[in-house]
Amino acid sequence: MLILGFTAILGKLISLPALELTTVRMFFASLGLGIIFFFRKGNFGDITLGTLLKIILVGIIVASHWTTFFLSIKLSNVSVALACFSATTLFTSFLEPLFEKRKVYWVEVLIGLIIIIGLGIIFQFENEYYLGMMVAIFSAFLAALFSVFNRQLTQQHDFNLISLLELSAGFVFLLVFYLISKDGPFLLHKIGGVDLIYLLILGLVCTS
């Protein structure tokens, strides 16, 4: 929770737009995990094509989650975005039974409903952040989706390898999306010194 909160603060401090911020974060995170994986002498031997496609899908989901999470911070503020992020609990309480074929735990649903009531109260007092809150709630849904799919993968394979492939796939997805949607190449060297330090902390400490 400490790292999650610090991640949000860094997202507010870094001046880059959400898409560029997340792309660089995933690059540094992939690089960090790649180094860890190399020194731990990991191998890719047990990854089938079907599993790889699932990993790529989850990587795209986590990339979309982080992008929308940082966008919600840019549109509102850290406290509002993190409060809305708590809606992940409600989404998970329904997604887990759906994908894992288990019964619904009504305690989880009750906690989720309490969170929704809390968010309704926040809406009344922070209505100028309406768009940011909507983006944050969508980000929470993506986070719940990621956690369900990711747990299924890590129960069957080395979590270091799964994380490395997910982050790499997410980085490639965001980079391609950026190149298609923006004019000109992605210029990493144009990022300011302070932003670069924050991005290194975000990618290496808060992620990998």
C-alpha atoms as a PDB file:
ATOM      1  CA  MET A   1       0.000   0.000   0.000  1.00  0.00           C
ATOM      2  CA  LEU A   2       2.939   2.303   0.745  1.00  0.00           C
ATOM      3  CA  ILE A   3       4.384   1.670  -2.730  1.00  0.00           C
ATOM      4  CA  LEU A   4       0.958   2.143  -4.350  1.00  0.00           C
ATOM      5  CA  GLY A   5       0.517   5.477  -2.616  1.00  0.00           C
ATOM      6  CA  PHE A   6       4.032   6.568  -3.538  1.00  0.00           C
ATOM      7  CA  THR A   7       3.377   5.484  -7.144  1.00  0.00           C
ATOM      8  CA  ALA A   8       0.398   7.834  -7.251  1.00  0.00           C
ATOM      9  CA  ILE A   9       2.443  10.711  -5.820  1.00  0.00           C
ATOM     10  CA  LEU A  10       5.165  10.159  -8.432  1.00  0.00           C
ATOM     11  CA  GLY A  11       2.491  10.122 -11.113  1.00  0.00           C
ATOM     12  CA  LYS A  12       1.417  13.578  -9.992  1.00  0.00           C
ATOM     13  CA  LEU A  13       4.984  14.895  -9.737  1.00  0.00           C
ATOM     14  CA  ILE A  14       6.119  13.676 -13.165  1.00  0.00           C
ATOM     15  CA  SER A  15       5.223  16.249 -15.798  1.00  0.00           C
ATOM     16  CA  LEU A  16       4.805  13.770 -18.669  1.00  0.00           C
ATOM     17  CA  PRO A  17       1.305  12.954 -19.940  1.00  0.00           C
ATOM     18  CA  ALA A  18      -0.133   9.632 -18.749  1.00  0.00           C
ATOM     19  CA  LEU A  19       0.619   7.663 -21.928  1.00  0.00           C
ATOM     20  CA  GLU A  20       4.278   8.702 -22.137  1.00  0.00           C
ATOM     21  CA  LEU A  21       4.693   8.288 -18.373  1.00  0.00           C
ATOM     22  CA  THR A  22       3.383   4.715 -18.413  1.00  0.00           C
ATOM     23  CA  THR A  23       5.395   3.790 -21.504  1.00  0.00           C
ATOM     24  CA  VAL A  24       8.676   4.868 -19.897  1.00  0.00           C
ATOM     25  CA  ARG A  25       7.697   3.250 -16.589  1.00  0.00           C
ATOM     26  CA  MET A  26       7.094  -0.095 -18.297  1.00  0.00           C
ATOM     27  CA  PHE A  27      10.389   0.206 -20.179  1.00  0.00           C
ATOM     28  CA  PHE A  28      12.389   0.703 -16.972  1.00  0.00           C
ATOM     29  CA  ALA A  29      10.375  -1.966 -15.163  1.00  0.00           C
ATOM     30  CA  SER A  30      10.975  -4.470 -17.975  1.00  0.00           C
ATOM     31  CA  LEU A  31      14.672  -3.621 -17.948  1.00  0.00           C
ATOM     32  CA  GLY A  32      14.885  -4.107 -14.179  1.00  0.00           C
ATOM     33  CA  LEU A  33      13.042  -7.424 -14.243  1.00  0.00           C
ATOM     34  CA  GLY A  34      15.140  -8.567 -17.199  1.00  0.00           C
ATOM     35  CA  ILE A  35      18.310  -8.024 -15.174  1.00  0.00           C
ATOM     36  CA  ILE A  36      16.816  -9.886 -12.189  1.00  0.00           C
ATOM     37  CA  PHE A  37      15.686 -12.740 -14.435  1.00  0.00           C
ATOM     38  CA  PHE A  38      19.157 -12.982 -16.037  1.00  0.00           C
ATOM     39  CA  PHE A  39      21.033 -13.190 -12.737  1.00  0.00           C
ATOM     40  CA  ARG A  40      18.566 -15.739 -11.396  1.00  0.00           C
ATOM     41  CA  LYS A  41      19.255 -17.808 -14.517  1.00  0.00           C
ATOM     42  CA  GLY A  42      15.601 -18.034 -15.476  1.00  0.00           C
ATOM     43  CA  ASN A  43      14.449 -19.895 -18.564  1.00  0.00           C
ATOM     44  CA  PHE A  44      11.541 -19.667 -20.996  1.00  0.00           C
ATOM     45  CA  GLY A  45      11.232 -23.411 -21.553  1.00  0.00           C
ATOM     46  CA  ASP A  46       7.751 -24.022 -20.128  1.00  0.00           C
ATOM     47  CA  ILE A  47       5.907 -21.226 -21.952  1.00  0.00           C
ATOM     48  CA  THR A  48       3.638 -22.477 -24.735  1.00  0.00           C
ATOM     49  CA  LEU A  49       2.253 -20.304 -27.536  1.00  0.00           C
ATOM     50  CA  GLY A  50      -1.203 -20.340 -25.946  1.00  0.00           C
ATOM     51  CA  THR A  51       0.207 -19.226 -22.600  1.00  0.00           C
ATOM     52  CA  LEU A  52       2.287 -16.530 -24.299  1.00  0.00           C
ATOM     53  CA  LEU A  53      -0.811 -15.094 -25.960  1.00  0.00           C
ATOM     54  CA  LYS A  54      -2.565 -14.976 -22.560  1.00  0.00           C
ATOM     55  CA  ILE A  55       0.463 -13.219 -21.071  1.00  0.00           C
ATOM     56  CA  ILE A  56       0.446 -10.637 -23.875  1.00  0.00           C
ATOM     57  CA  LEU A  57      -3.265  -9.984 -23.260  1.00  0.00           C
ATOM     58  CA  VAL A  58      -2.641  -9.496 -19.537  1.00  0.00           C
ATOM     59  CA  GLY A  59       0.286  -7.199 -20.360  1.00  0.00           C
ATOM     60  CA  ILE A  60      -2.024  -5.044 -22.472  1.00  0.00           C
ATOM     61  CA  ILE A  61      -4.568  -4.977 -19.625  1.00  0.00           C
ATOM     62  CA  VAL A  62      -1.987  -3.859 -17.045  1.00  0.00           C
ATOM     63  CA  ALA A  63      -0.613  -1.249 -19.458  1.00  0.00           C
ATOM     64  CA  SER A  64      -4.134   0.113 -19.958  1.00  0.00           C
ATOM     65  CA  HIS A  65      -4.748   0.043 -16.201  1.00  0.00           C
ATOM     66  CA  TRP A  66      -1.619   2.041 -15.409  1.00  0.00           C
ATOM     67  CA  THR A  67      -2.281   4.537 -18.193  1.00  0.00           C
ATOM     68  CA  THR A  68      -5.826   5.208 -16.996  1.00  0.00           C
ATOM     69  CA  PHE A  69      -4.643   5.302 -13.366  1.00  0.00           C
ATOM     70  CA  PHE A  70      -2.109   8.033 -14.106  1.00  0.00           C
ATOM     71  CA  LEU A  71      -4.613   9.825 -16.340  1.00  0.00           C
ATOM     72  CA  SER A  72      -7.094   9.903 -13.458  1.00  0.00           C
ATOM     73  CA  ILE A  73      -4.404  11.475 -11.248  1.00  0.00           C
ATOM     74  CA  LYS A  74      -3.708  14.119 -13.881  1.00  0.00           C
ATOM     75  CA  LEU A  75      -7.442  14.835 -14.177  1.00  0.00           C
ATOM     76  CA  SER A  76      -8.087  14.964 -10.409  1.00  0.00           C
ATOM     77  CA  ASN A  77      -5.565  14.438  -7.610  1.00  0.00           C
ATOM     78  CA  VAL A  78      -3.779  11.643  -5.763  1.00  0.00           C
ATOM     79  CA  SER A  79      -6.290  11.190  -2.917  1.00  0.00           C
ATOM     80  CA  VAL A  80      -9.347  11.107  -5.194  1.00  0.00           C
ATOM     81  CA  ALA A  81      -7.697   8.664  -7.615  1.00  0.00           C
ATOM     82  CA  LEU A  82      -6.615   6.310  -4.809  1.00  0.00           C
ATOM     83  CA  ALA A  83     -10.059   6.468  -3.187  1.00  0.00           C
ATOM     84  CA  CYS A  84     -11.685   5.431  -6.471  1.00  0.00           C
ATOM     85  CA  PHE A  85      -9.028   2.751  -6.956  1.00  0.00           C
ATOM     86  CA  SER A  86     -10.468   1.001  -3.894  1.00  0.00           C
ATOM     87  CA  ALA A  87     -13.414   0.001  -6.127  1.00  0.00           C
ATOM     88  CA  THR A  88     -11.101  -2.801  -7.301  1.00  0.00           C
ATOM     89  CA  THR A  89     -12.438  -4.807  -4.344  1.00  0.00           C
ATOM     90  CA  LEU A  90     -16.003  -4.663  -5.652  1.00  0.00           C
ATOM     91  CA  PHE A  91     -15.035  -5.615  -9.206  1.00  0.00           C
ATOM     92  CA  THR A  92     -12.839  -8.482  -7.977  1.00  0.00           C
ATOM     93  CA  SER A  93     -15.681  -9.880  -5.855  1.00  0.00           C
ATOM     94  CA  PHE A  94     -17.659 -10.507  -9.060  1.00  0.00           C
ATOM     95  CA  LEU A  95     -14.868 -11.228 -11.549  1.00  0.00           C
ATOM     96  CA  GLU A  96     -13.207 -13.957  -9.473  1.00  0.00           C
ATOM     97  CA  PRO A  97     -16.351 -16.138  -9.238  1.00  0.00           C
ATOM     98  CA  LEU A  98     -17.014 -15.541 -12.939  1.00  0.00           C
ATOM     99  CA  PHE A  99     -13.583 -16.659 -14.173  1.00  0.00           C
ATOM    100  CA  GLU A 100     -12.590 -19.074 -11.401  1.00  0.00           C
ATOM    101  CA  LYS A 101     -15.977 -20.805 -11.135  1.00  0.00           C
ATOM    102  CA  ARG A 102     -16.297 -20.303  -7.391  1.00  0.00           C
ATOM    103  CA  LYS A 103     -19.135 -18.994  -5.259  1.00  0.00           C
ATOM    104  CA  VAL A 104     -19.575 -15.299  -4.541  1.00  0.00           C
ATOM    105  CA  TYR A 105     -18.281 -14.265  -1.116  1.00  0.00           C
ATOM    106  CA  TRP A 106     -20.925 -11.859   0.104  1.00  0.00           C
ATOM    107  CA  VAL A 107     -18.552 -10.313   2.652  1.00  0.00           C
ATOM    108  CA  GLU A 108     -16.466  -9.065  -0.278  1.00  0.00           C
ATOM    109  CA  VAL A 109     -19.598  -7.731  -1.993  1.00  0.00           C
ATOM    110  CA  LEU A 110     -20.640  -5.968   1.227  1.00  0.00           C
ATOM    111  CA  ILE A 111     -17.205  -4.332   1.521  1.00  0.00           C
ATOM    112  CA  GLY A 112     -17.456  -3.300  -2.122  1.00  0.00           C
ATOM    113  CA  LEU A 113     -20.884  -1.726  -1.564  1.00  0.00           C
ATOM    114  CA  ILE A 114     -19.523   0.223   1.429  1.00  0.00           C
ATOM    115  CA  ILE A 115     -16.750   1.488  -0.855  1.00  0.00           C
ATOM    116  CA  ILE A 116     -19.339   2.587  -3.434  1.00  0.00           C
ATOM    117  CA  ILE A 117     -21.224   4.492  -0.741  1.00  0.00           C
ATOM    118  CA  GLY A 118     -17.967   6.188   0.216  1.00  0.00           C
ATOM    119  CA  LEU A 119     -17.298   7.095  -3.403  1.00  0.00           C
ATOM    120  CA  GLY A 120     -20.808   8.546  -3.646  1.00  0.00           C
ATOM    121  CA  ILE A 121     -19.997  10.826  -0.717  1.00  0.00           C
ATOM    122  CA  ILE A 122     -16.762  11.897  -2.404  1.00  0.00           C
ATOM    123  CA  PHE A 123     -18.710  12.677  -5.599  1.00  0.00           C
ATOM    124  CA  GLN A 124     -20.818  15.166  -3.646  1.00  0.00           C
ATOM    125  CA  PHE A 125     -17.808  17.119  -2.403  1.00  0.00           C
ATOM    126  CA  GLU A 126     -15.343  16.661  -5.301  1.00  0.00           C
ATOM    127  CA  ASN A 127     -17.685  16.952  -8.287  1.00  0.00           C
ATOM    128  CA  GLU A 128     -15.183  19.094 -10.202  1.00  0.00           C
ATOM    129  CA  TYR A 129     -13.130  15.884 -10.517  1.00  0.00           C
ATOM    130  CA  TYR A 130     -16.011  13.927 -12.054  1.00  0.00           C
ATOM    131  CA  LEU A 131     -14.075  12.877 -15.180  1.00  0.00           C
ATOM    132  CA  GLY A 132     -11.002  11.894 -13.185  1.00  0.00           C
ATOM    133  CA  MET A 133     -13.133   9.761 -10.875  1.00  0.00           C
ATOM    134  CA  MET A 134     -14.794   7.981 -13.781  1.00  0.00           C
ATOM    135  CA  VAL A 135     -11.389   7.201 -15.320  1.00  0.00           C
ATOM    136  CA  ALA A 136     -10.113   5.993 -11.924  1.00  0.00           C
ATOM    137  CA  ILE A 137     -13.081   3.635 -11.496  1.00  0.00           C
ATOM    138  CA  PHE A 138     -12.479   2.211 -14.972  1.00  0.00           C
ATOM    139  CA  SER A 139      -8.819   1.788 -14.008  1.00  0.00           C
ATOM    140  CA  ALA A 140      -9.947  -0.110 -10.904  1.00  0.00           C
ATOM    141  CA  PHE A 141     -11.972  -2.470 -13.112  1.00  0.00           C
ATOM    142  CA  LEU A 142      -8.879  -3.125 -15.267  1.00  0.00           C
ATOM    143  CA  ALA A 143      -6.835  -3.734 -12.100  1.00  0.00           C
ATOM    144  CA  ALA A 144      -9.349  -6.329 -10.915  1.00  0.00           C
ATOM    145  CA  LEU A 145      -9.315  -8.009 -14.329  1.00  0.00           C
ATOM    146  CA  PHE A 146      -5.517  -8.065 -14.282  1.00  0.00           C
ATOM    147  CA  SER A 147      -5.316  -9.545 -10.782  1.00  0.00           C
ATOM    148  CA  VAL A 148      -7.696 -12.410 -11.650  1.00  0.00           C
ATOM    149  CA  PHE A 149      -5.920 -13.363 -14.895  1.00  0.00           C
ATOM    150  CA  ASN A 150      -2.454 -12.827 -13.458  1.00  0.00           C
ATOM    151  CA  ARG A 151      -3.074 -15.109 -10.472  1.00  0.00           C
ATOM    152  CA  GLN A 152      -4.118 -17.909 -12.820  1.00  0.00           C
ATOM    153  CA  LEU A 153      -0.854 -17.532 -14.748  1.00  0.00           C
ATOM    154  CA  THR A 154       1.441 -17.284 -11.721  1.00  0.00           C
ATOM    155  CA  GLN A 155      -0.064 -20.430 -10.177  1.00  0.00           C
ATOM    156  CA  GLN A 156       1.272 -22.383 -13.159  1.00  0.00           C
ATOM    157  CA  HIS A 157       4.527 -20.590 -14.067  1.00  0.00           C
ATOM    158  CA  ASP A 158       7.455 -18.698 -12.534  1.00  0.00           C
ATOM    159  CA  PHE A 159       6.090 -15.310 -11.448  1.00  0.00           C
ATOM    160  CA  ASN A 160       9.369 -13.549 -12.375  1.00  0.00           C
ATOM    161  CA  LEU A 161       9.069 -14.781 -15.954  1.00  0.00           C
ATOM    162  CA  ILE A 162       5.355 -13.962 -16.143  1.00  0.00           C
ATOM    163  CA  SER A 163       5.956 -10.429 -14.847  1.00  0.00           C
ATOM    164  CA  LEU A 164       8.851  -9.850 -17.258  1.00  0.00           C
ATOM    165  CA  LEU A 165       6.810 -10.952 -20.269  1.00  0.00           C
ATOM    166  CA  GLU A 166       3.715  -9.005 -19.180  1.00  0.00           C
ATOM    167  CA  LEU A 167       5.633  -5.767 -18.668  1.00  0.00           C
ATOM    168  CA  SER A 168       7.531  -6.207 -21.940  1.00  0.00           C
ATOM    169  CA  ALA A 169       4.303  -6.871 -23.841  1.00  0.00           C
ATOM    170  CA  GLY A 170       2.662  -3.863 -22.197  1.00  0.00           C
ATOM    171  CA  PHE A 171       5.616  -1.647 -23.086  1.00  0.00           C
ATOM    172  CA  VAL A 172       5.568  -2.722 -26.754  1.00  0.00           C
ATOM    173  CA  PHE A 173       1.790  -2.207 -26.902  1.00  0.00           C
ATOM    174  CA  LEU A 174       2.019   1.322 -25.482  1.00  0.00           C
ATOM    175  CA  LEU A 175       4.980   2.246 -27.673  1.00  0.00           C
ATOM    176  CA  VAL A 176       3.167   1.107 -30.830  1.00  0.00           C
ATOM    177  CA  PHE A 177       0.012   2.908 -29.701  1.00  0.00           C
ATOM    178  CA  TYR A 178       2.032   6.073 -29.056  1.00  0.00           C
ATOM    179  CA  LEU A 179       3.738   5.944 -32.459  1.00  0.00           C
ATOM    180  CA  ILE A 180       0.385   5.478 -34.193  1.00  0.00           C
ATOM    181  CA  SER A 181      -1.490   8.166 -32.248  1.00  0.00           C
ATOM    182  CA  LYS A 182       1.236  10.823 -31.947  1.00  0.00           C
ATOM    183  CA  ASP A 183       3.268  12.778 -34.484  1.00  0.00           C
ATOM    184  CA  GLY A 184       6.979  11.981 -34.477  1.00  0.00           C
ATOM    185  CA  PRO A 185       9.118   9.426 -32.624  1.00  0.00           C
ATOM    186  CA  PHE A 186       9.247   8.797 -28.882  1.00  0.00           C
ATOM    187  CA  LEU A 187      12.237  10.840 -27.688  1.00  0.00           C
ATOM    188  CA  LEU A 188      13.427   9.560 -24.314  1.00  0.00           C
ATOM    189  CA  HIS A 189      16.365  11.997 -24.178  1.00  0.00           C
ATOM    190  CA  LYS A 190      13.984  14.974 -24.085  1.00  0.00           C
ATOM    191  CA  ILE A 191      12.686  13.976 -20.646  1.00  0.00           C
ATOM    192  CA  GLY A 192      13.861  16.422 -17.948  1.00  0.00           C
ATOM    193  CA  GLY A 193      16.407  15.375 -15.324  1.00  0.00           C
ATOM    194  CA  VAL A 194      14.005  15.456 -12.372  1.00  0.00           C
ATOM    195  CA  ASP A 195      11.355  13.561 -14.320  1.00  0.00           C
ATOM    196  CA  LEU A 196      13.955  10.959 -15.290  1.00  0.00           C
ATOM    197  CA  ILE A 197      14.908  10.380 -11.639  1.00  0.00           C
ATOM    198  CA  TYR A 198      11.251  10.026 -10.675  1.00  0.00           C
ATOM    199  CA  LEU A 199      10.677   7.642 -13.596  1.00  0.00           C
ATOM    200  CA  LEU A 200      13.627   5.474 -12.564  1.00  0.00           C
ATOM    201  CA  ILE A 201      12.231   5.234  -9.026  1.00  0.00           C
ATOM    202  CA  LEU A 202       8.765   4.518 -10.428  1.00  0.00           C
ATOM    203  CA  GLY A 203       9.975   1.833 -12.837  1.00  0.00           C
ATOM    204  CA  LEU A 204      12.641   0.107 -10.767  1.00  0.00           C
ATOM    205  CA  VAL A 205      11.572   0.551  -7.130  1.00  0.00           C
ATOM    206  CA  CYS A 206       7.771   0.824  -7.383  1.00  0.00           C
ATOM    207  CA  THR A 207       7.376  -1.720 -10.177  1.00  0.00           C
ATOM    208  CA  SER A 208      10.133  -4.230 -10.851  1.00  0.00           C
END
